[in-house]
Amino acid sequence: MTEHDKKLADVLLDSLMLNWHDNGNINADAVRDACIQALSEVLDESLDEIIAMVDQRIQQKQ
């Protein structure tokens, strides 16, 4: 993975720590799921592993 890819993955993981809410125009769950899917493909990890990575980051940064 290039440094560029690592930075993008870190930003996506950080953004997934946010509390996502639907605003009526865009379905937040669909956007969040797309981010998780993209990270899964880039990092070659399962969806469950990506979710665990997000949970771990939340615990580390609180």
PDB file of N, CA and C in Angstrom:
ATOM      1  N   MET A   1       0.854  -1.167   0.000  1.00  0.00           N
ATOM      2  CA  MET A   1       0.000   0.000   0.000  1.00  0.00           C
ATOM      3  C   MET A   1       0.906   1.239   0.000  1.00  0.00           C
ATOM      4  N   THR A   2       0.567   2.172  -0.846  1.00  0.00           N
ATOM      5  CA  THR A   2       1.362   3.402  -0.932  1.00  0.00           C
ATOM      6  C   THR A   2       1.033   4.309   0.256  1.00  0.00           C
ATOM      7  N   GLU A   3       1.882   5.291   0.479  1.00  0.00           N
ATOM      8  CA  GLU A   3       1.643   6.266   1.543  1.00  0.00           C
ATOM      9  C   GLU A   3       0.327   7.007   1.295  1.00  0.00           C
ATOM     10  N   HIS A   4       0.067   7.301   0.039  1.00  0.00           N
ATOM     11  CA  HIS A   4      -1.182   7.967  -0.343  1.00  0.00           C
ATOM     12  C   HIS A   4      -2.393   7.119   0.047  1.00  0.00           C
ATOM     13  N   ASP A   5      -2.350   5.833  -0.267  1.00  0.00           N
ATOM     14  CA  ASP A   5      -3.445   4.931   0.078  1.00  0.00           C
ATOM     15  C   ASP A   5      -3.622   4.827   1.590  1.00  0.00           C
ATOM     16  N   LYS A   6      -2.506   4.796   2.323  1.00  0.00           N
ATOM     17  CA  LYS A   6      -2.576   4.710   3.778  1.00  0.00           C
ATOM     18  C   LYS A   6      -3.254   5.947   4.362  1.00  0.00           C
ATOM     19  N   LYS A   7      -2.912   7.128   3.839  1.00  0.00           N
ATOM     20  CA  LYS A   7      -3.540   8.363   4.323  1.00  0.00           C
ATOM     21  C   LYS A   7      -5.043   8.341   4.053  1.00  0.00           C
ATOM     22  N   LEU A   8      -5.430   7.906   2.865  1.00  0.00           N
ATOM     23  CA  LEU A   8      -6.860   7.827   2.535  1.00  0.00           C
ATOM     24  C   LEU A   8      -7.582   6.830   3.436  1.00  0.00           C
ATOM     25  N   ALA A   9      -6.960   5.694   3.686  1.00  0.00           N
ATOM     26  CA  ALA A   9      -7.563   4.694   4.565  1.00  0.00           C
ATOM     27  C   ALA A   9      -7.716   5.248   5.975  1.00  0.00           C
ATOM     28  N   ASP A  10      -6.704   5.950   6.472  1.00  0.00           N
ATOM     29  CA  ASP A  10      -6.776   6.542   7.811  1.00  0.00           C
ATOM     30  C   ASP A  10      -7.901   7.564   7.911  1.00  0.00           C
ATOM     31  N   VAL A  11      -8.055   8.384   6.885  1.00  0.00           N
ATOM     32  CA  VAL A  11      -9.118   9.388   6.895  1.00  0.00           C
ATOM     33  C   VAL A  11     -10.489   8.710   6.870  1.00  0.00           C
ATOM     34  N   LEU A  12     -10.640   7.686   6.055  1.00  0.00           N
ATOM     35  CA  LEU A  12     -11.919   6.981   6.012  1.00  0.00           C
ATOM     36  C   LEU A  12     -12.224   6.305   7.347  1.00  0.00           C
ATOM     37  N   LEU A  13     -11.230   5.672   7.942  1.00  0.00           N
ATOM     38  CA  LEU A  13     -11.444   5.044   9.243  1.00  0.00           C
ATOM     39  C   LEU A  13     -11.844   6.079  10.289  1.00  0.00           C
ATOM     40  N   ASP A  14     -11.182   7.228  10.277  1.00  0.00           N
ATOM     41  CA  ASP A  14     -11.536   8.292  11.217  1.00  0.00           C
ATOM     42  C   ASP A  14     -12.954   8.802  10.964  1.00  0.00           C
ATOM     43  N   SER A  15     -13.322   8.958   9.711  1.00  0.00           N
ATOM     44  CA  SER A  15     -14.668   9.470   9.408  1.00  0.00           C
ATOM     45  C   SER A  15     -15.742   8.472   9.821  1.00  0.00           C
ATOM     46  N   LEU A  16     -15.425   7.203   9.813  1.00  0.00           N
ATOM     47  CA  LEU A  16     -16.398   6.194  10.221  1.00  0.00           C
ATOM     48  C   LEU A  16     -16.626   6.185  11.728  1.00  0.00           C
ATOM     49  N   MET A  17     -15.781   6.894  12.482  1.00  0.00           N
ATOM     50  CA  MET A  17     -15.978   6.996  13.930  1.00  0.00           C
ATOM     51  C   MET A  17     -17.094   7.972  14.278  1.00  0.00           C
ATOM     52  N   LEU A  18     -17.503   8.802  13.326  1.00  0.00           N
ATOM     53  CA  LEU A  18     -18.524   9.809  13.582  1.00  0.00           C
ATOM     54  C   LEU A  18     -19.890   9.172  13.781  1.00  0.00           C
ATOM     55  N   ASN A  19     -20.780   9.899  14.408  1.00  0.00           N
ATOM     56  CA  ASN A  19     -22.155   9.458  14.589  1.00  0.00           C
ATOM     57  C   ASN A  19     -22.940   9.859  13.339  1.00  0.00           C
ATOM     58  N   TRP A  20     -23.250   8.913  12.484  1.00  0.00           N
ATOM     59  CA  TRP A  20     -23.890   9.175  11.206  1.00  0.00           C
ATOM     60  C   TRP A  20     -25.401   9.264  11.365  1.00  0.00           C
ATOM     61  N   HIS A  21     -26.015  10.305  10.786  1.00  0.00           N
ATOM     62  CA  HIS A  21     -27.461  10.479  10.808  1.00  0.00           C
ATOM     63  C   HIS A  21     -27.956  10.768   9.394  1.00  0.00           C
ATOM     64  N   ASP A  22     -29.112  10.222   9.089  1.00  0.00           N
ATOM     65  CA  ASP A  22     -29.739  10.534   7.800  1.00  0.00           C
ATOM     66  C   ASP A  22     -30.289  11.954   7.855  1.00  0.00           C
ATOM     67  N   ASN A  23     -30.071  12.724   6.792  1.00  0.00           N
ATOM     68  CA  ASN A  23     -30.580  14.095   6.768  1.00  0.00           C
ATOM     69  C   ASN A  23     -31.775  14.261   5.826  1.00  0.00           C
ATOM     70  N   GLY A  24     -32.281  13.163   5.327  1.00  0.00           N
ATOM     71  CA  GLY A  24     -33.440  13.234   4.444  1.00  0.00           C
ATOM     72  C   GLY A  24     -33.070  13.252   2.972  1.00  0.00           C
ATOM     73  N   ASN A  25     -31.854  13.672   2.654  1.00  0.00           N
ATOM     74  CA  ASN A  25     -31.419  13.727   1.255  1.00  0.00           C
ATOM     75  C   ASN A  25     -30.510  12.557   0.897  1.00  0.00           C
ATOM     76  N   ILE A  26     -29.637  12.230   1.806  1.00  0.00           N
ATOM     77  CA  ILE A  26     -28.676  11.154   1.568  1.00  0.00           C
ATOM     78  C   ILE A  26     -28.814  10.145   2.704  1.00  0.00           C
ATOM     79  N   ASN A  27     -28.860   8.896   2.382  1.00  0.00           N
ATOM     80  CA  ASN A  27     -28.964   7.860   3.395  1.00  0.00           C
ATOM     81  C   ASN A  27     -27.582   7.630   4.004  1.00  0.00           C
ATOM     82  N   ALA A  28     -27.414   8.041   5.254  1.00  0.00           N
ATOM     83  CA  ALA A  28     -26.118   7.937   5.925  1.00  0.00           C
ATOM     84  C   ALA A  28     -25.636   6.492   6.005  1.00  0.00           C
ATOM     85  N   ASP A  29     -26.556   5.566   6.242  1.00  0.00           N
ATOM     86  CA  ASP A  29     -26.156   4.164   6.314  1.00  0.00           C
ATOM     87  C   ASP A  29     -25.562   3.679   5.001  1.00  0.00           C
ATOM     88  N   ALA A  30     -26.139   4.115   3.893  1.00  0.00           N
ATOM     89  CA  ALA A  30     -25.626   3.701   2.587  1.00  0.00           C
ATOM     90  C   ALA A  30     -24.234   4.271   2.337  1.00  0.00           C
ATOM     91  N   VAL A  31     -24.026   5.519   2.730  1.00  0.00           N
ATOM     92  CA  VAL A  31     -22.704   6.137   2.560  1.00  0.00           C
ATOM     93  C   VAL A  31     -21.687   5.435   3.447  1.00  0.00           C
ATOM     94  N   ARG A  32     -22.064   5.192   4.703  1.00  0.00           N
ATOM     95  CA  ARG A  32     -21.165   4.507   5.635  1.00  0.00           C
ATOM     96  C   ARG A  32     -20.826   3.102   5.110  1.00  0.00           C
ATOM     97  N   ASP A  33     -21.825   2.381   4.634  1.00  0.00           N
ATOM     98  CA  ASP A  33     -21.592   1.043   4.093  1.00  0.00           C
ATOM     99  C   ASP A  33     -20.655   1.083   2.890  1.00  0.00           C
ATOM    100  N   ALA A  34     -20.800   2.096   2.042  1.00  0.00           N
ATOM    101  CA  ALA A  34     -19.915   2.227   0.880  1.00  0.00           C
ATOM    102  C   ALA A  34     -18.479   2.488   1.320  1.00  0.00           C
ATOM    103  N   CYS A  35     -18.302   3.297   2.355  1.00  0.00           N
ATOM    104  CA  CYS A  35     -16.950   3.557   2.883  1.00  0.00           C
ATOM    105  C   CYS A  35     -16.336   2.277   3.447  1.00  0.00           C
ATOM    106  N   ILE A  36     -17.131   1.530   4.196  1.00  0.00           N
ATOM    107  CA  ILE A  36     -16.646   0.272   4.762  1.00  0.00           C
ATOM    108  C   ILE A  36     -16.286  -0.706   3.646  1.00  0.00           C
ATOM    109  N   GLN A  37     -17.112  -0.781   2.621  1.00  0.00           N
ATOM    110  CA  GLN A  37     -16.837  -1.676   1.491  1.00  0.00           C
ATOM    111  C   GLN A  37     -15.554  -1.271   0.774  1.00  0.00           C
ATOM    112  N   ALA A  38     -15.373   0.024   0.546  1.00  0.00           N
ATOM    113  CA  ALA A  38     -14.161   0.509  -0.130  1.00  0.00           C
ATOM    114  C   ALA A  38     -12.922   0.178   0.693  1.00  0.00           C
ATOM    115  N   LEU A  39     -12.982   0.404   2.000  1.00  0.00           N
ATOM    116  CA  LEU A  39     -11.843   0.076   2.860  1.00  0.00           C
ATOM    117  C   LEU A  39     -11.574  -1.423   2.856  1.00  0.00           C
ATOM    118  N   SER A  40     -12.623  -2.205   2.846  1.00  0.00           N
ATOM    119  CA  SER A  40     -12.477  -3.656   2.810  1.00  0.00           C
ATOM    120  C   SER A  40     -11.693  -4.092   1.575  1.00  0.00           C
ATOM    121  N   GLU A  41     -12.003  -3.490   0.444  1.00  0.00           N
ATOM    122  CA  GLU A  41     -11.317  -3.832  -0.799  1.00  0.00           C
ATOM    123  C   GLU A  41      -9.879  -3.329  -0.814  1.00  0.00           C
ATOM    124  N   VAL A  42      -9.671  -2.092  -0.364  1.00  0.00           N
ATOM    125  CA  VAL A  42      -8.323  -1.502  -0.391  1.00  0.00           C
ATOM    126  C   VAL A  42      -7.393  -2.196   0.601  1.00  0.00           C
ATOM    127  N   LEU A  43      -7.906  -2.469   1.802  1.00  0.00           N
ATOM    128  CA  LEU A  43      -7.081  -3.071   2.842  1.00  0.00           C
ATOM    129  C   LEU A  43      -7.085  -4.595   2.788  1.00  0.00           C
ATOM    130  N   ASP A  44      -7.908  -5.160   1.901  1.00  0.00           N
ATOM    131  CA  ASP A  44      -8.036  -6.610   1.756  1.00  0.00           C
ATOM    132  C   ASP A  44      -8.397  -7.260   3.097  1.00  0.00           C
ATOM    133  N   GLU A  45      -9.399  -6.671   3.756  1.00  0.00           N
ATOM    134  CA  GLU A  45      -9.905  -7.167   5.032  1.00  0.00           C
ATOM    135  C   GLU A  45     -11.406  -7.401   4.893  1.00  0.00           C
ATOM    136  N   SER A  46     -11.955  -8.214   5.772  1.00  0.00           N
ATOM    137  CA  SER A  46     -13.399  -8.458   5.746  1.00  0.00           C
ATOM    138  C   SER A  46     -14.144  -7.236   6.268  1.00  0.00           C
ATOM    139  N   LEU A  47     -15.434  -7.172   5.962  1.00  0.00           N
ATOM    140  CA  LEU A  47     -16.264  -6.080   6.459  1.00  0.00           C
ATOM    141  C   LEU A  47     -16.253  -6.055   7.985  1.00  0.00           C
ATOM    142  N   ASP A  48     -16.338  -7.230   8.599  1.00  0.00           N
ATOM    143  CA  ASP A  48     -16.322  -7.313  10.060  1.00  0.00           C
ATOM    144  C   ASP A  48     -15.003  -6.800  10.633  1.00  0.00           C
ATOM    145  N   GLU A  49     -13.914  -7.069   9.940  1.00  0.00           N
ATOM    146  CA  GLU A  49     -12.607  -6.590  10.399  1.00  0.00           C
ATOM    147  C   GLU A  49     -12.524  -5.069  10.307  1.00  0.00           C
ATOM    148  N   ILE A  50     -13.073  -4.492   9.261  1.00  0.00           N
ATOM    149  CA  ILE A  50     -13.083  -3.034   9.121  1.00  0.00           C
ATOM    150  C   ILE A  50     -13.897  -2.419  10.247  1.00  0.00           C
ATOM    151  N   ILE A  51     -15.057  -2.979  10.533  1.00  0.00           N
ATOM    152  CA  ILE A  51     -15.897  -2.475  11.615  1.00  0.00           C
ATOM    153  C   ILE A  51     -15.158  -2.595  12.949  1.00  0.00           C
ATOM    154  N   ALA A  52     -14.444  -3.697  13.147  1.00  0.00           N
ATOM    155  CA  ALA A  52     -13.654  -3.867  14.369  1.00  0.00           C
ATOM    156  C   ALA A  52     -12.541  -2.817  14.445  1.00  0.00           C
ATOM    157  N   MET A  53     -11.937  -2.493  13.312  1.00  0.00           N
ATOM    158  CA  MET A  53     -10.893  -1.463  13.280  1.00  0.00           C
ATOM    159  C   MET A  53     -11.464  -0.108  13.679  1.00  0.00           C
ATOM    160  N   VAL A  54     -12.657   0.195  13.198  1.00  0.00           N
ATOM    161  CA  VAL A  54     -13.320   1.458  13.553  1.00  0.00           C
ATOM    162  C   VAL A  54     -13.616   1.474  15.052  1.00  0.00           C
ATOM    163  N   ASP A  55     -14.167   0.395  15.567  1.00  0.00           N
ATOM    164  CA  ASP A  55     -14.465   0.304  17.004  1.00  0.00           C
ATOM    165  C   ASP A  55     -13.202   0.475  17.841  1.00  0.00           C
ATOM    166  N   GLN A  56     -12.112  -0.134  17.395  1.00  0.00           N
ATOM    167  CA  GLN A  56     -10.843  -0.016  18.103  1.00  0.00           C
ATOM    168  C   GLN A  56     -10.355   1.434  18.116  1.00  0.00           C
ATOM    169  N   ARG A  57     -10.482   2.131  16.995  1.00  0.00           N
ATOM    170  CA  ARG A  57     -10.084   3.536  16.931  1.00  0.00           C
ATOM    171  C   ARG A  57     -10.922   4.388  17.873  1.00  0.00           C
ATOM    172  N   ILE A  58     -12.200   4.096  17.937  1.00  0.00           N
ATOM    173  CA  ILE A  58     -13.074   4.846  18.845  1.00  0.00           C
ATOM    174  C   ILE A  58     -12.593   4.679  20.283  1.00  0.00           C
ATOM    175  N   GLN A  59     -12.296   3.450  20.653  1.00  0.00           N
ATOM    176  CA  GLN A  59     -11.820   3.186  22.015  1.00  0.00           C
ATOM    177  C   GLN A  59     -10.484   3.872  22.292  1.00  0.00           C
ATOM    178  N   GLN A  60      -9.592   3.887  21.315  1.00  0.00           N
ATOM    179  CA  GLN A  60      -8.274   4.478  21.501  1.00  0.00           C
ATOM    180  C   GLN A  60      -8.339   6.003  21.616  1.00  0.00           C
ATOM    181  N   LYS A  61      -9.280   6.625  20.938  1.00  0.00           N
ATOM    182  CA  LYS A  61      -9.325   8.093  20.872  1.00  0.00           C
ATOM    183  C   LYS A  61     -10.260   8.705  21.896  1.00  0.00           C
ATOM    184  N   GLN A  62     -10.925   7.882  22.699  1.00  0.00           N
ATOM    185  CA  GLN A  62     -11.816   8.445  23.724  1.00  0.00           C
ATOM    186  C   GLN A  62     -11.058   8.704  24.989  1.00  0.00           C
TER     187      GLN A  62
END
